[in-house]
Amino acid sequence: MPRIAGVATQKNTKGEITHLTIDVKMHKDIVAPLLEQLGAKPKSKFEEDWERGITLEEFRKNLHKRTKELWKK
């Protein structure tokens, strides 16, 4: 197998390739779609915040609940 910059292989005792290490920064255009498909692509801060977000209706319910609790005090 020809040597490729940013790619390293590990072989077992039989000479078969068992592990492949790829420099993601160097080969991001090839690796990024694969990582996304596998669900291993790191999420941005915005994506994490977006997933934790609530709907407008949930916000209204929480707001009404908190307001009622404050009025009881």
PDB file of N, CA and C in Angstrom:
ATOM      1  N   MET A   1       0.856  -1.180   0.000  1.00  0.00           N
ATOM      2  CA  MET A   1       0.000   0.000   0.000  1.00  0.00           C
ATOM      3  C   MET A   1       0.898   1.238   0.000  1.00  0.00           C
ATOM      4  N   PRO A   2       0.621   2.192  -0.884  1.00  0.00           N
ATOM      5  CA  PRO A   2       1.458   3.397  -0.919  1.00  0.00           C
ATOM      6  C   PRO A   2       1.266   4.236   0.343  1.00  0.00           C
ATOM      7  N   ARG A   3       2.294   4.978   0.699  1.00  0.00           N
ATOM      8  CA  ARG A   3       2.262   5.829   1.887  1.00  0.00           C
ATOM      9  C   ARG A   3       1.467   7.094   1.578  1.00  0.00           C
ATOM     10  N   ILE A   4       0.525   7.428   2.479  1.00  0.00           N
ATOM     11  CA  ILE A   4      -0.314   8.609   2.313  1.00  0.00           C
ATOM     12  C   ILE A   4      -0.102   9.511   3.528  1.00  0.00           C
ATOM     13  N   ALA A   5       0.174  10.782   3.296  1.00  0.00           N
ATOM     14  CA  ALA A   5       0.402  11.726   4.398  1.00  0.00           C
ATOM     15  C   ALA A   5      -0.856  11.834   5.255  1.00  0.00           C
ATOM     16  N   GLY A   6      -0.693  11.744   6.575  1.00  0.00           N
ATOM     17  CA  GLY A   6      -1.820  11.872   7.490  1.00  0.00           C
ATOM     18  C   GLY A   6      -2.593  10.589   7.720  1.00  0.00           C
ATOM     19  N   VAL A   7      -2.104   9.472   7.171  1.00  0.00           N
ATOM     20  CA  VAL A   7      -2.778   8.185   7.344  1.00  0.00           C
ATOM     21  C   VAL A   7      -1.747   7.163   7.834  1.00  0.00           C
ATOM     22  N   ALA A   8      -2.094   6.504   8.949  1.00  0.00           N
ATOM     23  CA  ALA A   8      -1.218   5.478   9.497  1.00  0.00           C
ATOM     24  C   ALA A   8      -2.016   4.189   9.665  1.00  0.00           C
ATOM     25  N   THR A   9      -1.368   3.061   9.433  1.00  0.00           N
ATOM     26  CA  THR A   9      -2.039   1.770   9.562  1.00  0.00           C
ATOM     27  C   THR A   9      -1.317   0.915  10.595  1.00  0.00           C
ATOM     28  N   GLN A  10      -2.071  -0.003  11.189  1.00  0.00           N
ATOM     29  CA  GLN A  10      -1.499  -1.003  12.086  1.00  0.00           C
ATOM     30  C   GLN A  10      -1.899  -2.370  11.543  1.00  0.00           C
ATOM     31  N   LYS A  11      -0.948  -3.287  11.591  1.00  0.00           N
ATOM     32  CA  LYS A  11      -1.195  -4.623  11.059  1.00  0.00           C
ATOM     33  C   LYS A  11      -1.084  -5.655  12.167  1.00  0.00           C
ATOM     34  N   ASN A  12      -1.797  -6.755  11.983  1.00  0.00           N
ATOM     35  CA  ASN A  12      -1.686  -7.863  12.932  1.00  0.00           C
ATOM     36  C   ASN A  12      -0.504  -8.753  12.532  1.00  0.00           C
ATOM     37  N   THR A  13      -0.330  -9.855  13.217  1.00  0.00           N
ATOM     38  CA  THR A  13       0.805 -10.748  12.944  1.00  0.00           C
ATOM     39  C   THR A  13       0.739 -11.396  11.554  1.00  0.00           C
ATOM     40  N   LYS A  14      -0.449 -11.433  10.972  1.00  0.00           N
ATOM     41  CA  LYS A  14      -0.611 -12.008   9.633  1.00  0.00           C
ATOM     42  C   LYS A  14      -0.334 -10.981   8.530  1.00  0.00           C
ATOM     43  N   GLY A  15      -0.114  -9.724   8.940  1.00  0.00           N
ATOM     44  CA  GLY A  15       0.140  -8.677   7.960  1.00  0.00           C
ATOM     45  C   GLY A  15      -1.117  -8.008   7.442  1.00  0.00           C
ATOM     46  N   GLU A  16      -2.254  -8.314   8.062  1.00  0.00           N
ATOM     47  CA  GLU A  16      -3.522  -7.708   7.655  1.00  0.00           C
ATOM     48  C   GLU A  16      -3.704  -6.373   8.379  1.00  0.00           C
ATOM     49  N   ILE A  17      -4.213  -5.403   7.679  1.00  0.00           N
ATOM     50  CA  ILE A  17      -4.467  -4.101   8.300  1.00  0.00           C
ATOM     51  C   ILE A  17      -5.662  -4.235   9.231  1.00  0.00           C
ATOM     52  N   THR A  18      -5.446  -3.874  10.500  1.00  0.00           N
ATOM     53  CA  THR A  18      -6.503  -3.977  11.503  1.00  0.00           C
ATOM     54  C   THR A  18      -6.973  -2.618  12.008  1.00  0.00           C
ATOM     55  N   HIS A  19      -6.105  -1.629  11.965  1.00  0.00           N
ATOM     56  CA  HIS A  19      -6.449  -0.289  12.450  1.00  0.00           C
ATOM     57  C   HIS A  19      -5.971   0.759  11.450  1.00  0.00           C
ATOM     58  N   LEU A  20      -6.742   1.822  11.366  1.00  0.00           N
ATOM     59  CA  LEU A  20      -6.414   2.913  10.463  1.00  0.00           C
ATOM     60  C   LEU A  20      -6.533   4.209  11.244  1.00  0.00           C
ATOM     61  N   THR A  21      -5.505   5.040  11.229  1.00  0.00           N
ATOM     62  CA  THR A  21      -5.522   6.332  11.900  1.00  0.00           C
ATOM     63  C   THR A  21      -5.426   7.407  10.830  1.00  0.00           C
ATOM     64  N   ILE A  22      -6.425   8.323  10.854  1.00  0.00           N
ATOM     65  CA  ILE A  22      -6.491   9.367   9.837  1.00  0.00           C
ATOM     66  C   ILE A  22      -6.443  10.719  10.516  1.00  0.00           C
ATOM     67  N   ASP A  23      -5.591  11.608  10.033  1.00  0.00           N
ATOM     68  CA  ASP A  23      -5.522  12.974  10.541  1.00  0.00           C
ATOM     69  C   ASP A  23      -6.752  13.726  10.020  1.00  0.00           C
ATOM     70  N   VAL A  24      -7.676  14.024  10.925  1.00  0.00           N
ATOM     71  CA  VAL A  24      -8.949  14.632  10.533  1.00  0.00           C
ATOM     72  C   VAL A  24      -8.747  16.031   9.968  1.00  0.00           C
ATOM     73  N   LYS A  25      -7.831  16.795  10.541  1.00  0.00           N
ATOM     74  CA  LYS A  25      -7.594  18.152  10.033  1.00  0.00           C
ATOM     75  C   LYS A  25      -7.069  18.115   8.598  1.00  0.00           C
ATOM     76  N   MET A  26      -6.225  17.150   8.325  1.00  0.00           N
ATOM     77  CA  MET A  26      -5.616  17.057   7.000  1.00  0.00           C
ATOM     78  C   MET A  26      -6.597  16.528   5.948  1.00  0.00           C
ATOM     79  N   HIS A  27      -7.497  15.625   6.361  1.00  0.00           N
ATOM     80  CA  HIS A  27      -8.423  14.982   5.424  1.00  0.00           C
ATOM     81  C   HIS A  27      -9.878  15.234   5.805  1.00  0.00           C
ATOM     82  N   LYS A  28     -10.181  16.449   6.303  1.00  0.00           N
ATOM     83  CA  LYS A  28     -11.525  16.738   6.812  1.00  0.00           C
ATOM     84  C   LYS A  28     -12.612  16.634   5.749  1.00  0.00           C
ATOM     85  N   ASP A  29     -12.311  16.948   4.507  1.00  0.00           N
ATOM     86  CA  ASP A  29     -13.322  16.868   3.457  1.00  0.00           C
ATOM     87  C   ASP A  29     -13.761  15.424   3.198  1.00  0.00           C
ATOM     88  N   ILE A  30     -12.897  14.473   3.455  1.00  0.00           N
ATOM     89  CA  ILE A  30     -13.233  13.065   3.264  1.00  0.00           C
ATOM     90  C   ILE A  30     -13.824  12.462   4.533  1.00  0.00           C
ATOM     91  N   VAL A  31     -13.265  12.815   5.692  1.00  0.00           N
ATOM     92  CA  VAL A  31     -13.635  12.195   6.961  1.00  0.00           C
ATOM     93  C   VAL A  31     -14.911  12.787   7.555  1.00  0.00           C
ATOM     94  N   ALA A  32     -15.161  14.075   7.365  1.00  0.00           N
ATOM     95  CA  ALA A  32     -16.313  14.738   7.990  1.00  0.00           C
ATOM     96  C   ALA A  32     -17.646  14.065   7.658  1.00  0.00           C
ATOM     97  N   PRO A  33     -17.942  13.742   6.395  1.00  0.00           N
ATOM     98  CA  PRO A  33     -19.215  13.070   6.106  1.00  0.00           C
ATOM     99  C   PRO A  33     -19.329  11.697   6.787  1.00  0.00           C
ATOM    100  N   LEU A  34     -18.222  10.983   6.868  1.00  0.00           N
ATOM    101  CA  LEU A  34     -18.228   9.676   7.524  1.00  0.00           C
ATOM    102  C   LEU A  34     -18.503   9.831   9.024  1.00  0.00           C
ATOM    103  N   LEU A  35     -17.848  10.784   9.670  1.00  0.00           N
ATOM    104  CA  LEU A  35     -18.072  11.029  11.096  1.00  0.00           C
ATOM    105  C   LEU A  35     -19.506  11.459  11.364  1.00  0.00           C
ATOM    106  N   GLU A  36     -20.039  12.283  10.483  1.00  0.00           N
ATOM    107  CA  GLU A  36     -21.426  12.725  10.646  1.00  0.00           C
ATOM    108  C   GLU A  36     -22.390  11.548  10.516  1.00  0.00           C
ATOM    109  N   GLN A  37     -22.139  10.687   9.564  1.00  0.00           N
ATOM    110  CA  GLN A  37     -22.985   9.507   9.353  1.00  0.00           C
ATOM    111  C   GLN A  37     -22.924   8.571  10.558  1.00  0.00           C
ATOM    112  N   LEU A  38     -21.753   8.457  11.173  1.00  0.00           N
ATOM    113  CA  LEU A  38     -21.582   7.597  12.342  1.00  0.00           C
ATOM    114  C   LEU A  38     -22.077   8.261  13.626  1.00  0.00           C
ATOM    115  N   GLY A  39     -22.370   9.539  13.550  1.00  0.00           N
ATOM    116  CA  GLY A  39     -22.821  10.257  14.738  1.00  0.00           C
ATOM    117  C   GLY A  39     -21.673  10.645  15.644  1.00  0.00           C
ATOM    118  N   ALA A  40     -20.467  10.630  15.136  1.00  0.00           N
ATOM    119  CA  ALA A  40     -19.291  10.933  15.949  1.00  0.00           C
ATOM    120  C   ALA A  40     -18.784  12.358  15.736  1.00  0.00           C
ATOM    121  N   LYS A  41     -19.460  13.110  14.908  1.00  0.00           N
ATOM    122  CA  LYS A  41     -19.027  14.474  14.636  1.00  0.00           C
ATOM    123  C   LYS A  41     -19.285  15.335  15.870  1.00  0.00           C
ATOM    124  N   PRO A  42     -18.275  16.034  16.346  1.00  0.00           N
ATOM    125  CA  PRO A  42     -18.497  16.883  17.515  1.00  0.00           C
ATOM    126  C   PRO A  42     -19.495  17.998  17.191  1.00  0.00           C
ATOM    127  N   LYS A  43     -20.353  18.286  18.161  1.00  0.00           N
ATOM    128  CA  LYS A  43     -21.370  19.313  17.960  1.00  0.00           C
ATOM    129  C   LYS A  43     -20.854  20.664  18.418  1.00  0.00           C
ATOM    130  N   SER A  44     -21.316  21.688  17.744  1.00  0.00           N
ATOM    131  CA  SER A  44     -20.935  23.033  18.148  1.00  0.00           C
ATOM    132  C   SER A  44     -21.714  23.418  19.396  1.00  0.00           C
ATOM    133  N   LYS A  45     -21.277  24.461  20.059  1.00  0.00           N
ATOM    134  CA  LYS A  45     -21.960  24.957  21.268  1.00  0.00           C
ATOM    135  C   LYS A  45     -23.405  25.305  20.919  1.00  0.00           C
ATOM    136  N   PHE A  46     -23.623  25.913  19.759  1.00  0.00           N
ATOM    137  CA  PHE A  46     -24.968  26.283  19.331  1.00  0.00           C
ATOM    138  C   PHE A  46     -25.852  25.046  19.186  1.00  0.00           C
ATOM    139  N   GLU A  47     -25.334  23.985  18.549  1.00  0.00           N
ATOM    140  CA  GLU A  47     -26.122  22.762  18.366  1.00  0.00           C
ATOM    141  C   GLU A  47     -26.488  22.121  19.708  1.00  0.00           C
ATOM    142  N   GLU A  48     -25.537  22.124  20.647  1.00  0.00           N
ATOM    143  CA  GLU A  48     -25.824  21.568  21.973  1.00  0.00           C
ATOM    144  C   GLU A  48     -26.904  22.387  22.679  1.00  0.00           C
ATOM    145  N   ASP A  49     -26.780  23.706  22.622  1.00  0.00           N
ATOM    146  CA  ASP A  49     -27.780  24.585  23.245  1.00  0.00           C
ATOM    147  C   ASP A  49     -29.145  24.408  22.583  1.00  0.00           C
ATOM    148  N   TRP A  50     -29.142  24.272  21.282  1.00  0.00           N
ATOM    149  CA  TRP A  50     -30.389  24.124  20.532  1.00  0.00           C
ATOM    150  C   TRP A  50     -31.125  22.853  20.943  1.00  0.00           C
ATOM    151  N   GLU A  51     -30.388  21.762  21.133  1.00  0.00           N
ATOM    152  CA  GLU A  51     -31.002  20.490  21.532  1.00  0.00           C
ATOM    153  C   GLU A  51     -31.586  20.561  22.940  1.00  0.00           C
ATOM    154  N   ARG A  52     -30.979  21.365  23.819  1.00  0.00           N
ATOM    155  CA  ARG A  52     -31.477  21.504  25.178  1.00  0.00           C
ATOM    156  C   ARG A  52     -32.626  22.509  25.263  1.00  0.00           C
ATOM    157  N   GLY A  53     -32.872  23.222  24.191  1.00  0.00           N
ATOM    158  CA  GLY A  53     -33.904  24.255  24.186  1.00  0.00           C
ATOM    159  C   GLY A  53     -35.298  23.686  24.369  1.00  0.00           C
ATOM    160  N   ILE A  54     -36.234  24.574  24.742  1.00  0.00           N
ATOM    161  CA  ILE A  54     -37.628  24.157  24.926  1.00  0.00           C
ATOM    162  C   ILE A  54     -38.502  24.933  23.955  1.00  0.00           C
ATOM    163  N   THR A  55     -39.697  24.423  23.750  1.00  0.00           N
ATOM    164  CA  THR A  55     -40.622  25.091  22.838  1.00  0.00           C
ATOM    165  C   THR A  55     -41.224  26.312  23.526  1.00  0.00           C
ATOM    166  N   LEU A  56     -41.850  27.152  22.750  1.00  0.00           N
ATOM    167  CA  LEU A  56     -42.496  28.347  23.285  1.00  0.00           C
ATOM    168  C   LEU A  56     -43.607  27.955  24.260  1.00  0.00           C
ATOM    169  N   GLU A  57     -44.339  26.915  23.939  1.00  0.00           N
ATOM    170  CA  GLU A  57     -45.417  26.456  24.818  1.00  0.00           C
ATOM    171  C   GLU A  57     -44.869  25.954  26.155  1.00  0.00           C
ATOM    172  N   GLU A  58     -43.766  25.212  26.121  1.00  0.00           N
ATOM    173  CA  GLU A  58     -43.133  24.753  27.362  1.00  0.00           C
ATOM    174  C   GLU A  58     -42.657  25.942  28.199  1.00  0.00           C
ATOM    175  N   PHE A  59     -42.111  26.936  27.534  1.00  0.00           N
ATOM    176  CA  PHE A  59     -41.662  28.148  28.228  1.00  0.00           C
ATOM    177  C   PHE A  59     -42.836  28.837  28.922  1.00  0.00           C
ATOM    178  N   ARG A  60     -43.946  28.972  28.215  1.00  0.00           N
ATOM    179  CA  ARG A  60     -45.133  29.618  28.795  1.00  0.00           C
ATOM    180  C   ARG A  60     -45.639  28.861  30.021  1.00  0.00           C
ATOM    181  N   LYS A  61     -45.691  27.528  29.920  1.00  0.00           N
ATOM    182  CA  LYS A  61     -46.153  26.724  31.056  1.00  0.00           C
ATOM    183  C   LYS A  61     -45.231  26.910  32.259  1.00  0.00           C
ATOM    184  N   ASN A  62     -43.924  26.862  32.013  1.00  0.00           N
ATOM    185  CA  ASN A  62     -42.962  27.057  33.100  1.00  0.00           C
ATOM    186  C   ASN A  62     -43.089  28.452  33.705  1.00  0.00           C
ATOM    187  N   LEU A  63     -43.285  29.445  32.867  1.00  0.00           N
ATOM    188  CA  LEU A  63     -43.421  30.821  33.335  1.00  0.00           C
ATOM    189  C   LEU A  63     -44.666  30.979  34.202  1.00  0.00           C
ATOM    190  N   HIS A  64     -45.785  30.408  33.758  1.00  0.00           N
ATOM    191  CA  HIS A  64     -47.027  30.489  34.537  1.00  0.00           C
ATOM    192  C   HIS A  64     -46.868  29.752  35.870  1.00  0.00           C
ATOM    193  N   LYS A  65     -46.229  28.611  35.833  1.00  0.00           N
ATOM    194  CA  LYS A  65     -46.016  27.827  37.055  1.00  0.00           C
ATOM    195  C   LYS A  65     -45.164  28.620  38.049  1.00  0.00           C
ATOM    196  N   ARG A  66     -44.088  29.205  37.585  1.00  0.00           N
ATOM    197  CA  ARG A  66     -43.207  29.982  38.470  1.00  0.00           C
ATOM    198  C   ARG A  66     -43.903  31.231  38.998  1.00  0.00           C
ATOM    199  N   THR A  67     -44.688  31.867  38.142  1.00  0.00           N
ATOM    200  CA  THR A  67     -45.413  33.064  38.576  1.00  0.00           C
ATOM    201  C   THR A  67     -46.416  32.718  39.669  1.00  0.00           C
ATOM    202  N   LYS A  68     -47.144  31.627  39.497  1.00  0.00           N
ATOM    203  CA  LYS A  68     -48.106  31.200  40.521  1.00  0.00           C
ATOM    204  C   LYS A  68     -47.394  30.884  41.827  1.00  0.00           C
ATOM    205  N   GLU A  69     -46.221  30.235  41.777  1.00  0.00           N
ATOM    206  CA  GLU A  69     -45.464  29.919  42.974  1.00  0.00           C
ATOM    207  C   GLU A  69     -45.004  31.190  43.687  1.00  0.00           C
ATOM    208  N   LEU A  70     -44.599  32.200  42.909  1.00  0.00           N
ATOM    209  CA  LEU A  70     -44.178  33.468  43.509  1.00  0.00           C
ATOM    210  C   LEU A  70     -45.339  34.188  44.189  1.00  0.00           C
ATOM    211  N   TRP A  71     -46.537  34.131  43.595  1.00  0.00           N
ATOM    212  CA  TRP A  71     -47.705  34.812  44.164  1.00  0.00           C
ATOM    213  C   TRP A  71     -48.167  34.144  45.452  1.00  0.00           C
ATOM    214  N   LYS A  72     -47.869  32.826  45.590  1.00  0.00           N
ATOM    215  CA  LYS A  72     -48.264  32.117  46.805  1.00  0.00           C
ATOM    216  C   LYS A  72     -47.423  32.545  47.997  1.00  0.00           C
ATOM    217  N   LYS A  73     -46.204  33.012  47.763  1.00  0.00           N
ATOM    218  CA  LYS A  73     -45.291  33.386  48.859  1.00  0.00           C
ATOM    219  C   LYS A  73     -45.681  34.667  49.525  1.00  0.00           C
TER     220      LYS A  73
END
